[in-house]
Amino acid sequence: MAKSTKDDAQALFHSLRSSYSATPTNLKIIDLYVLFALSTALIQVGYMAIVGSFPFNSFLSGVLSCVGTAVLAICLRIQVNKENKEFKDLPPERAFADFILSNLVLHLVIMNFLG
């Protein structure tokens, strides 16, 4: 039974790898950006666990900034994806402009929260 589970896992990873290799380069770049933003948030949480959270507003602002940026990048990825039929009439330039504007608003709110 363990052999079957190992074969199933290998087949799943092979299927995921082959389907991700067909993904366009611009979507892979957005995926790397999301991974970077989330890893930065995890590093901040780890630092807070080790050192402490004296200026808690600063810690919260940093983590929410990273997570909010990752969420906005995921929204950008959804809008730019050519296979998504829901946003087929939306040009990629418009989606990127929405991403930039919403990031600006997010970081203005974060800066206000830092106080």
Protein backbone atom coordinates (compact mmCIF):
# COMPACT_ATOMS: atom_id res chain seq x y z
CA MET A 1 0.00 0.00 0.00
CA ALA A 2 2.89 2.39 0.68
CA LYS A 3 4.26 1.72 -2.79
CA SER A 4 0.96 2.80 -4.33
CA THR A 5 0.95 6.02 -2.31
CA LYS A 6 4.52 6.82 -3.39
CA ASP A 7 3.66 6.19 -7.04
CA ASP A 8 0.57 8.36 -6.75
CA ALA A 9 2.58 11.20 -5.23
CA GLN A 10 5.19 10.94 -7.98
CA ALA A 11 2.49 10.96 -10.65
CA LEU A 12 0.90 14.02 -9.03
CA PHE A 13 4.22 15.92 -8.90
CA HIS A 14 5.02 14.96 -12.50
CA SER A 15 1.59 16.19 -13.60
CA LEU A 16 1.97 19.47 -11.71
CA ARG A 17 5.47 20.03 -13.10
CA SER A 18 4.41 19.35 -16.68
CA SER A 19 1.35 21.61 -16.45
CA TYR A 20 3.33 24.43 -14.79
CA SER A 21 5.98 24.28 -17.50
CA ALA A 22 3.27 25.35 -19.96
CA THR A 23 2.53 28.46 -17.89
CA PRO A 24 3.55 31.74 -19.56
CA THR A 25 6.65 33.52 -18.24
CA ASN A 26 4.81 36.62 -17.02
CA LEU A 27 2.62 34.47 -14.75
CA LYS A 28 5.69 32.69 -13.39
CA ILE A 29 7.23 36.07 -12.54
CA ILE A 30 4.07 37.06 -10.66
CA ASP A 31 4.19 33.71 -8.83
CA LEU A 32 7.77 34.44 -7.76
CA TYR A 33 6.71 37.88 -6.53
CA VAL A 34 3.90 36.34 -4.46
CA LEU A 35 6.32 33.80 -3.03
CA PHE A 36 8.78 36.59 -2.16
CA ALA A 37 6.08 38.67 -0.43
CA LEU A 38 4.83 35.73 1.62
CA SER A 39 8.34 34.63 2.58
CA THR A 40 9.09 38.19 3.72
CA ALA A 41 5.99 38.07 5.93
CA LEU A 42 7.12 34.74 7.40
CA ILE A 43 10.59 36.16 8.10
CA GLN A 44 8.99 39.09 9.93
CA VAL A 45 6.86 36.73 12.02
CA GLY A 46 9.94 34.66 12.86
CA TYR A 47 11.88 37.78 13.80
CA MET A 48 9.01 38.90 16.04
CA ALA A 49 8.95 35.49 17.73
CA ILE A 50 12.68 35.64 18.44
CA VAL A 51 13.20 39.31 19.32
CA GLY A 52 9.77 40.40 20.53
CA SER A 53 7.09 42.74 19.35
CA PHE A 54 7.72 45.99 21.21
CA PRO A 55 6.43 48.33 18.49
CA PHE A 56 3.50 46.05 17.68
CA ASN A 57 2.05 48.52 15.16
CA SER A 58 5.26 48.31 13.14
CA PHE A 59 5.19 44.53 13.15
CA LEU A 60 1.53 44.48 12.15
CA SER A 61 2.10 47.05 9.42
CA GLY A 62 4.98 45.08 7.94
CA VAL A 63 3.16 41.78 7.89
CA LEU A 64 -0.08 43.27 6.57
CA SER A 65 1.87 45.10 3.88
CA CYS A 66 3.47 41.86 2.70
CA VAL A 67 0.27 39.84 2.82
CA GLY A 68 -1.77 42.62 1.17
CA THR A 69 0.78 42.94 -1.61
CA ALA A 70 0.68 39.17 -2.15
CA VAL A 71 -3.13 39.21 -2.36
CA LEU A 72 -3.06 42.07 -4.86
CA ALA A 73 -0.46 40.21 -6.93
CA ILE A 74 -2.69 37.13 -6.96
CA CYS A 75 -5.53 39.31 -8.23
CA LEU A 76 -3.19 40.64 -10.92
CA ARG A 77 -2.30 37.07 -11.90
CA ILE A 78 -5.96 36.17 -12.23
CA GLN A 79 -6.66 39.19 -14.42
CA VAL A 80 -3.60 38.73 -16.67
CA ASN A 81 -4.11 35.00 -17.23
CA LYS A 82 -5.22 34.42 -20.83
CA GLU A 83 -7.08 31.22 -19.93
CA ASN A 84 -9.42 33.11 -17.59
CA LYS A 85 -12.56 33.86 -19.58
CA GLU A 86 -13.93 36.27 -17.01
CA PHE A 87 -11.36 38.99 -17.75
CA LYS A 88 -10.87 38.39 -21.48
CA ASP A 89 -11.83 41.99 -22.39
CA LEU A 90 -9.49 43.54 -19.81
CA PRO A 91 -6.12 44.56 -21.29
CA PRO A 92 -3.04 43.59 -19.25
CA GLU A 93 -2.00 47.25 -19.01
CA ARG A 94 -5.25 48.09 -17.26
CA ALA A 95 -4.83 45.19 -14.85
CA PHE A 96 -1.28 46.35 -14.05
CA ALA A 97 -2.47 49.94 -13.54
CA ASP A 98 -5.15 48.67 -11.13
CA PHE A 99 -2.44 46.70 -9.31
CA ILE A 100 -0.22 49.79 -8.97
CA LEU A 101 -3.09 52.02 -7.81
CA SER A 102 -4.36 49.51 -5.26
CA ASN A 103 -0.80 48.99 -3.97
CA LEU A 104 -0.49 52.74 -3.55
CA VAL A 105 -3.73 52.88 -1.55
CA LEU A 106 -2.68 49.85 0.52
CA HIS A 107 0.65 51.37 1.44
CA LEU A 108 -0.89 54.75 2.25
CA VAL A 109 -3.20 52.98 4.71
CA ILE A 110 -0.23 51.03 6.12
CA MET A 111 1.77 54.25 6.56
CA ASN A 112 -1.20 55.81 8.34
CA PHE A 113 -1.43 52.78 10.63
CA LEU A 114 2.25 53.09 11.54
CA GLY A 115 1.33 56.44 13.05
